[in-house]
Structures are given as structure tokens and as C-alpha cells.
Amino acid sequence: MDPGQSSLHPFVRLSREDWARLPADASFSLSEDDLRKIGAHLSREEATEVYLPLSRLLYLHVSATQSLYRAARAFLAEEEKEVPYVVGIAGSVAAGKSTVARVLRALISRWPGRPEVGLVSTDGFLYPNRVLRARGLMERKGFPESYDLPLLLRFLADIKSGRDGVSAPIHSHLTYDILPDRTQIVGRPDVLVVEGLNMLEAGLQEPSEGHRVFFSDYCDFSIYVDAQERHIKEWYLERFLRLRKEALGDSSAYFHRFAELSVEDAREVALRVWDEIDHPNLKENIEPTRDRARLILEKRDDHSVRSVRLRKV
């Protein structure tokens, strides 16, 4: 091997400072009200230094893809019918995927032309709890086998085929279950952000063709939200205790069952769930997919992004 090859890597890593110096259009920045709605961990500095450059990068990718699509349709002499540009966001439980998804939706909606932006969570494609119980999978919730993977694959295929009115199930974090009488209808947005544990996970048989596909085959741009495991574990524990506190007065909430526990006992329960479910899932199914992403956000212990890894090709 050429000695120079040992330093080659498909990613380039940029420090937060270098990333923040990349071109970005400050006119599309978020208001204070926007920041409050998106999440507690998003500061003005974070939105400006991390997500404005990311929004600009995505804008370049989306514009180039749309131009190529129009040129290809003209070449084939077919009627132009653009399909949504899909941004997939993956990462561990409690890593902050939902916050990243919300801030990107807010920023993309401010691009020139005010594109329509949809947001879907793959949590909606978990099997209902009654199915998980019948299959002995409640203690495996979040693992690949707890999802209706063919349904998720069909949803993504329909989106990228340009179908109108594609529906997605909805998972309630209040009841910790699929809402039986509600669905989310996704029309044909210009950009669709899809976030979930499994957006970069292993493939399965495509229903109609029989070949092996990955969910990320239907993503135009993929992001992995990364952090050291000890930080993710602490964020998980904090979220568990927060959800328990919020559910104290609501008997319909899933976390209400922990209301009678002391904080110390509730923390012990959360640690056991982490050790038995979320940690193995992270190591076996989520973390190994990290380098399949186009871009990796590497976080510090306070959820702020310390560096960005961007795939070169």
C-alpha cells in the first residue's frame, strides 16, 4: 500500500469554529420564538454557528438535485413531476434527533421560494404495543424487529415515487404506543425530513422486486447525530426522569406508572432499561451505521455540536 493511503478517509472533519466560518445566509436565521418552540437545547449561538451552515449546504444539494431531475426528465421527454427530497436523520435514543429535525424544518421553510417541508418520525412505524406483547417484544422496543419494516419501506418508496397523500402512523410519547385512530398524511412536500433510530440500518427485501434495500436508499441526504456513550446515557436518564415528572398528574401517560417511585428508584429503573435495551440496541444496530451517513454531528456533553464530519464523496 502507498504510505500516503494510510491517511485517506472518506470524511473530512471540521471543528465547530471552521464549520461556523462556512458561507451561510443570516437572513434565514430563526427568531427567539422559533428557538423556544424547537427545543431547550438549541441556543441562538448553536442555531447560527451550526445549523445555518448546514441549511446552506442542504440548499446547495437540494438545488443541484432538482436541476438534475429536471434535466433528466427533459432528456427523457417526460412530463416533469418532482418528488420530495428526503433528509434522513439517525442516531441513538436521546441524542437529539428530533431537535435537529425541527430546526432543519424551520430553516428549510425559509429558503427562497418558501418550500414546503414535511417531518415524519419512524417511531410511528413501531408495532402497536399489543402486537409487541403478543410477540414477546416489549423488552425489545426500538430494536429492528419491533418495527413494521415493510410498512416503513413502502412509505419511503411511495414518497420517492411521487405519490400524493401518503399516510404514516403516529406514535404517542405520552401513551408510549401507536395512536389507533390517527395517521399523518404527507402530501408531496418539496423536502421531507425523516428522523429515527433506524434510518441507516441494515436492509431488507423490497416487497415488489425481492432485492435487498436500505431505508437510506430512499434518502437524498443523511445525518447522524453522534456523542460519546456516557453523555447519551446521561441524557437518557434526564429525559426519563423529566417524562416521569410530567406524567405525575396524568394517569393516561405511560410514565405515570413510575410516579410512585422515588427519584432514586426511578433512576434505577431507567438505568436497568438503558443497560438491557437501549445500550445493546445502540451497540448492535445504531452506532455501526454511523459512517453510512453523509454528515455526522459530533456533540459535547451539553448537546452543543463540537465538530462536523462530512463525507467527501
Protein backbone atom coordinates (compact mmCIF):
# COMPACT_ATOMS: atom_id res chain seq x y z
CA MET A 1 0.00 0.00 0.00
CA ASP A 2 1.14 3.51 -0.82
CA PRO A 3 2.21 5.14 2.51
CA GLY A 4 0.04 8.11 1.63
CA GLN A 5 -3.05 5.89 1.52
CA SER A 6 -3.00 5.35 5.29
CA SER A 7 -4.15 8.95 5.83
CA LEU A 8 -7.01 8.74 3.35
CA HIS A 9 -10.52 8.77 4.81
CA PRO A 10 -13.96 9.23 3.25
CA PHE A 11 -14.80 12.00 5.75
CA VAL A 12 -13.35 15.41 6.39
CA ARG A 13 -13.69 16.65 9.98
CA LEU A 14 -14.27 20.35 10.61
CA SER A 15 -14.06 21.93 14.03
CA ARG A 16 -17.05 23.96 15.15
CA GLU A 17 -15.06 27.14 14.51
CA ASP A 18 -14.15 26.11 10.95
CA TRP A 19 -17.70 24.95 10.25
CA ALA A 20 -19.15 28.23 11.53
CA ARG A 21 -16.97 30.19 9.08
CA LEU A 22 -18.54 28.48 6.06
CA PRO A 23 -20.93 30.57 3.93
CA ALA A 24 -24.42 30.92 5.37
CA ASP A 25 -27.30 33.30 4.74
CA ALA A 26 -28.11 35.04 8.03
CA SER A 27 -31.34 36.39 6.56
CA PHE A 28 -32.89 32.95 7.07
CA SER A 29 -31.99 32.78 10.77
CA LEU A 30 -34.54 31.83 13.41
CA SER A 31 -36.39 34.15 15.77
CA GLU A 32 -36.34 33.79 19.54
CA ASP A 33 -39.87 32.39 19.37
CA ASP A 34 -38.71 29.79 16.83
CA LEU A 35 -35.87 28.76 19.13
CA ARG A 36 -38.21 28.30 22.10
CA LYS A 37 -40.58 26.13 20.07
CA ILE A 38 -37.81 23.91 18.70
CA GLY A 39 -36.25 22.80 21.97
CA ALA A 40 -34.49 23.64 25.20
CA HIS A 41 -31.08 22.59 23.93
CA LEU A 42 -31.00 24.97 20.96
CA SER A 43 -29.29 28.28 21.69
CA ARG A 44 -29.03 31.27 19.39
CA GLU A 45 -25.30 30.57 19.03
CA GLU A 46 -25.93 26.93 18.12
CA ALA A 47 -28.54 27.82 15.53
CA THR A 48 -26.23 30.37 13.92
CA GLU A 49 -22.88 28.57 14.05
CA VAL A 50 -24.02 25.01 13.35
CA TYR A 51 -27.38 24.93 11.63
CA LEU A 52 -27.19 27.94 9.32
CA PRO A 53 -24.16 26.47 7.50
CA LEU A 54 -25.90 23.07 7.43
CA SER A 55 -29.01 24.72 5.97
CA ARG A 56 -26.85 26.35 3.29
CA LEU A 57 -25.19 23.02 2.45
CA LEU A 58 -28.57 21.33 2.17
CA TYR A 59 -29.83 24.15 -0.03
CA LEU A 60 -26.95 23.53 -2.45
CA HIS A 61 -27.68 19.79 -2.50
CA VAL A 62 -31.42 20.23 -2.99
CA SER A 63 -30.97 22.83 -5.75
CA ALA A 64 -28.46 20.65 -7.60
CA THR A 65 -30.68 17.57 -7.30
CA GLN A 66 -33.74 19.43 -8.55
CA SER A 67 -31.79 20.81 -11.53
CA LEU A 68 -30.51 17.34 -12.40
CA TYR A 69 -34.00 15.90 -12.06
CA ARG A 70 -35.48 18.48 -14.42
CA ALA A 71 -32.69 17.90 -16.93
CA ALA A 72 -33.20 14.13 -16.81
CA ARG A 73 -36.95 14.47 -17.32
CA ALA A 74 -36.33 16.75 -20.30
CA PHE A 75 -33.86 14.23 -21.71
CA LEU A 76 -36.49 11.50 -21.42
CA ALA A 77 -39.14 13.83 -22.86
CA GLU A 78 -41.40 13.09 -19.91
CA GLU A 79 -43.70 15.38 -18.00
CA GLU A 80 -41.90 16.99 -15.08
CA LYS A 81 -43.13 15.74 -11.72
CA GLU A 82 -40.59 16.37 -8.99
CA VAL A 83 -40.58 14.11 -5.95
CA PRO A 84 -39.70 15.13 -2.39
CA TYR A 85 -36.06 15.49 -1.43
CA VAL A 86 -35.67 13.26 1.63
CA VAL A 87 -33.34 14.13 4.51
CA GLY A 88 -32.82 11.22 6.91
CA ILE A 89 -31.67 11.81 10.50
CA ALA A 90 -30.35 8.87 12.56
CA GLY A 91 -28.70 8.41 15.93
CA SER A 92 -29.22 6.98 19.39
CA VAL A 93 -32.24 7.41 21.61
CA ALA A 94 -31.92 10.74 23.49
CA ALA A 95 -29.20 12.01 21.13
CA GLY A 96 -31.33 14.93 19.95
CA LYS A 97 -32.57 13.72 16.55
CA SER A 98 -35.96 15.37 16.97
CA THR A 99 -34.41 18.75 17.77
CA VAL A 100 -32.16 18.54 14.70
CA ALA A 101 -35.18 17.62 12.59
CA ARG A 102 -37.26 20.53 13.89
CA VAL A 103 -34.54 23.13 13.41
CA LEU A 104 -33.88 21.94 9.86
CA ARG A 105 -37.59 22.03 9.05
CA ALA A 106 -37.76 25.62 10.32
CA LEU A 107 -34.69 26.74 8.37
CA ILE A 108 -35.56 24.96 5.12
CA SER A 109 -39.02 26.55 5.14
CA ARG A 110 -37.26 29.95 4.96
CA TRP A 111 -35.31 29.18 1.79
CA PRO A 112 -36.05 31.14 -1.42
CA GLY A 113 -39.47 30.17 -2.71
CA ARG A 114 -40.57 29.10 0.79
CA PRO A 115 -40.51 25.34 0.10
CA GLU A 116 -43.00 23.06 1.80
CA VAL A 117 -41.28 20.88 4.39
CA GLY A 118 -42.68 17.71 5.96
CA LEU A 119 -41.45 15.93 9.08
CA VAL A 120 -42.03 12.27 9.95
CA SER A 121 -40.66 10.12 12.78
CA THR A 122 -40.03 6.43 12.21
CA ASP A 123 -41.39 5.86 15.75
CA GLY A 124 -44.76 5.72 14.03
CA PHE A 125 -43.72 2.51 12.33
CA LEU A 126 -43.21 0.63 15.58
CA TYR A 127 -45.70 -2.16 16.01
CA PRO A 128 -48.54 -1.32 18.42
CA ASN A 129 -47.85 -2.44 21.99
CA ARG A 130 -50.48 -5.19 21.75
CA VAL A 131 -48.55 -6.70 18.85
CA LEU A 132 -45.24 -6.33 20.66
CA ARG A 133 -46.68 -8.04 23.74
CA ALA A 134 -48.12 -10.89 21.68
CA ARG A 135 -44.72 -11.43 20.07
CA GLY A 136 -42.76 -11.04 23.32
CA LEU A 137 -41.05 -7.92 22.02
CA MET A 138 -41.95 -5.23 24.57
CA GLU A 139 -38.47 -5.56 26.05
CA ARG A 140 -37.04 -5.15 22.54
CA LYS A 141 -38.90 -1.97 21.64
CA GLY A 142 -36.61 0.09 19.41
CA PHE A 143 -34.77 -2.95 18.03
CA PRO A 144 -35.25 -3.64 14.29
CA GLU A 145 -37.72 -6.47 14.92
CA SER A 146 -40.06 -4.13 16.83
CA TYR A 147 -40.74 -2.08 13.68
CA ASP A 148 -43.07 -2.83 10.80
CA LEU A 149 -40.13 -2.52 8.44
CA PRO A 150 -42.01 -3.45 5.24
CA LEU A 151 -44.54 -0.71 6.02
CA LEU A 152 -41.76 1.86 6.55
CA LEU A 153 -40.07 0.75 3.36
CA ARG A 154 -43.32 1.03 1.43
CA PHE A 155 -43.91 4.51 2.87
CA LEU A 156 -40.49 5.72 1.72
CA ALA A 157 -40.90 4.08 -1.69
CA ASP A 158 -44.29 5.77 -2.16
CA ILE A 159 -42.81 9.14 -1.18
CA LYS A 160 -39.95 8.81 -3.66
CA SER A 161 -42.36 7.61 -6.34
CA GLY A 162 -44.22 10.92 -6.11
CA ARG A 163 -47.47 9.60 -4.69
CA ASP A 164 -49.84 12.13 -3.15
CA GLY A 165 -51.42 11.68 0.25
CA VAL A 166 -49.11 9.00 1.64
CA SER A 167 -50.04 8.20 5.24
CA ALA A 168 -47.82 7.37 8.20
CA PRO A 169 -48.84 6.00 11.62
CA ILE A 170 -48.28 8.21 14.68
CA HIS A 171 -46.55 7.11 17.89
CA SER A 172 -47.51 8.95 21.07
CA HIS A 173 -44.74 9.60 23.57
CA LEU A 174 -47.47 10.24 26.12
CA THR A 175 -49.03 6.77 25.90
CA TYR A 176 -45.87 5.13 24.50
CA ASP A 177 -47.99 3.46 21.83
CA ILE A 178 -49.30 3.88 18.29
CA LEU A 179 -52.41 6.08 18.12
CA PRO A 180 -55.06 3.71 16.73
CA ASP A 181 -57.34 6.30 15.13
CA ARG A 182 -54.86 8.82 13.78
CA THR A 183 -52.43 8.98 10.86
CA GLN A 184 -50.18 11.66 9.44
CA ILE A 185 -50.88 12.48 5.81
CA VAL A 186 -47.81 13.52 3.82
CA GLY A 187 -48.76 15.21 0.56
CA ARG A 188 -45.84 15.83 -1.74
CA PRO A 189 -43.63 18.35 0.08
CA ASP A 190 -40.56 19.80 -1.54
CA VAL A 191 -38.44 18.41 1.30
CA LEU A 192 -39.32 15.63 3.73
CA VAL A 193 -37.28 15.20 6.93
CA VAL A 194 -37.48 11.67 8.35
CA GLU A 195 -35.91 11.04 11.75
CA GLY A 196 -35.48 7.81 13.67
CA LEU A 197 -33.15 5.24 15.17
CA ASN A 198 -33.22 3.06 12.09
CA MET A 199 -32.77 5.44 9.15
CA LEU A 200 -29.35 3.98 8.34
CA GLU A 201 -29.85 0.40 9.49
CA ALA A 202 -29.46 -2.83 7.56
CA GLY A 203 -31.57 -3.60 4.53
CA LEU A 204 -34.44 -5.98 3.93
CA GLN A 205 -36.26 -7.48 0.98
CA GLU A 206 -38.02 -4.96 -1.21
CA PRO A 207 -41.66 -6.12 -1.42
CA SER A 208 -42.23 -5.98 -5.17
CA GLU A 209 -38.79 -6.67 -6.59
CA GLY A 210 -37.34 -9.02 -3.99
CA HIS A 211 -33.89 -7.42 -3.87
CA ARG A 212 -32.23 -6.15 -0.71
CA VAL A 213 -32.62 -2.44 0.02
CA PHE A 214 -31.77 0.02 2.80
CA PHE A 215 -34.03 2.75 4.11
CA SER A 216 -31.22 5.16 3.28
CA ASP A 217 -31.59 4.14 -0.40
CA TYR A 218 -34.59 6.47 -0.33
CA CYS A 219 -32.70 9.32 1.38
CA ASP A 220 -31.06 12.04 -0.65
CA PHE A 221 -29.04 13.33 2.31
CA SER A 222 -28.42 11.56 5.63
CA ILE A 223 -27.30 12.93 9.00
CA TYR A 224 -26.13 11.00 12.08
CA VAL A 225 -26.34 12.71 15.49
CA ASP A 226 -23.37 11.42 17.48
CA ALA A 227 -21.98 11.75 21.01
CA GLN A 228 -19.94 9.76 23.49
CA GLU A 229 -22.00 6.99 25.02
CA ARG A 230 -21.60 8.29 28.57
CA HIS A 231 -23.21 11.57 27.51
CA ILE A 232 -26.07 9.82 25.70
CA LYS A 233 -26.71 7.68 28.76
CA GLU A 234 -26.94 10.74 30.98
CA TRP A 235 -29.28 12.48 28.54
CA TYR A 236 -31.44 9.34 28.52
CA LEU A 237 -31.64 9.32 32.30
CA GLU A 238 -32.51 13.03 32.37
CA ARG A 239 -35.28 12.51 29.82
CA PHE A 240 -36.68 9.51 31.70
CA LEU A 241 -36.92 11.50 34.93
CA ARG A 242 -38.41 14.51 33.12
CA LEU A 243 -41.11 12.38 31.47
CA ARG A 244 -41.88 10.76 34.85
CA LYS A 245 -42.27 14.21 36.42
CA GLU A 246 -44.50 15.46 33.61
CA ALA A 247 -46.72 12.37 33.97
CA LEU A 248 -47.30 12.67 37.73
CA GLY A 249 -50.80 14.10 37.32
CA ASP A 250 -51.82 12.21 34.18
CA SER A 251 -52.88 8.60 34.71
CA SER A 252 -53.14 8.07 30.93
CA ALA A 253 -49.42 8.71 30.46
CA TYR A 254 -47.15 5.70 30.14
CA PHE A 255 -44.62 7.19 32.58
CA HIS A 256 -47.34 7.65 35.23
CA ARG A 257 -46.57 4.07 36.33
CA PHE A 258 -43.30 5.39 37.76
CA ALA A 259 -44.99 8.22 39.69
CA GLU A 260 -44.98 6.36 42.99
CA LEU A 261 -41.25 5.71 42.80
CA SER A 262 -38.72 7.97 44.44
CA VAL A 263 -36.32 9.79 42.15
CA GLU A 264 -33.59 7.35 43.18
CA ASP A 265 -35.76 4.30 42.42
CA ALA A 266 -36.92 5.78 39.13
CA ARG A 267 -33.30 6.38 38.18
CA GLU A 268 -32.55 2.72 38.95
CA VAL A 269 -35.37 1.65 36.66
CA ALA A 270 -34.07 3.92 33.91
CA LEU A 271 -30.54 2.54 34.31
CA ARG A 272 -31.87 -1.00 34.01
CA VAL A 273 -33.81 -0.15 30.85
CA TRP A 274 -30.70 1.50 29.40
CA ASP A 275 -28.47 -1.46 30.23
CA GLU A 276 -30.91 -4.10 28.98
CA ILE A 277 -32.45 -2.40 25.95
CA ASP A 278 -31.04 0.91 24.75
CA HIS A 279 -27.34 0.22 25.25
CA PRO A 280 -27.40 -3.12 23.36
CA ASN A 281 -29.50 -1.56 20.60
CA LEU A 282 -27.05 1.31 20.27
CA LYS A 283 -24.06 -1.01 20.02
CA GLU A 284 -25.63 -3.68 17.83
CA ASN A 285 -27.83 -1.74 15.44
CA ILE A 286 -27.41 2.04 15.57
CA GLU A 287 -23.78 3.02 16.12
CA PRO A 288 -22.43 0.62 13.43
CA THR A 289 -24.42 2.59 10.83
CA ARG A 290 -22.84 5.94 11.70
CA ASP A 291 -20.36 6.04 8.83
CA ARG A 292 -23.10 5.40 6.29
CA ALA A 293 -24.27 8.99 6.83
CA ARG A 294 -23.39 11.89 4.57
CA LEU A 295 -22.80 14.16 7.56
CA ILE A 296 -22.14 13.44 11.26
CA LEU A 297 -22.82 15.98 14.00
CA GLU A 298 -20.48 15.26 16.95
CA LYS A 299 -21.87 16.61 20.22
CA ARG A 300 -20.41 17.70 23.54
CA ASP A 301 -21.92 16.76 26.92
CA ASP A 302 -24.24 19.81 26.82
CA HIS A 303 -25.77 18.85 23.43
CA SER A 304 -23.80 21.54 21.58
CA VAL A 305 -22.01 20.41 18.42
CA ARG A 306 -18.22 20.38 18.80
CA SER A 307 -17.32 19.22 15.27
CA VAL A 308 -18.79 18.04 11.98
CA ARG A 309 -17.72 15.15 9.80
CA LEU A 310 -18.70 15.49 6.14
CA ARG A 311 -18.39 12.71 3.59
CA LYS A 312 -16.12 13.76 0.74
CA VAL A 313 -17.96 11.80 -1.95
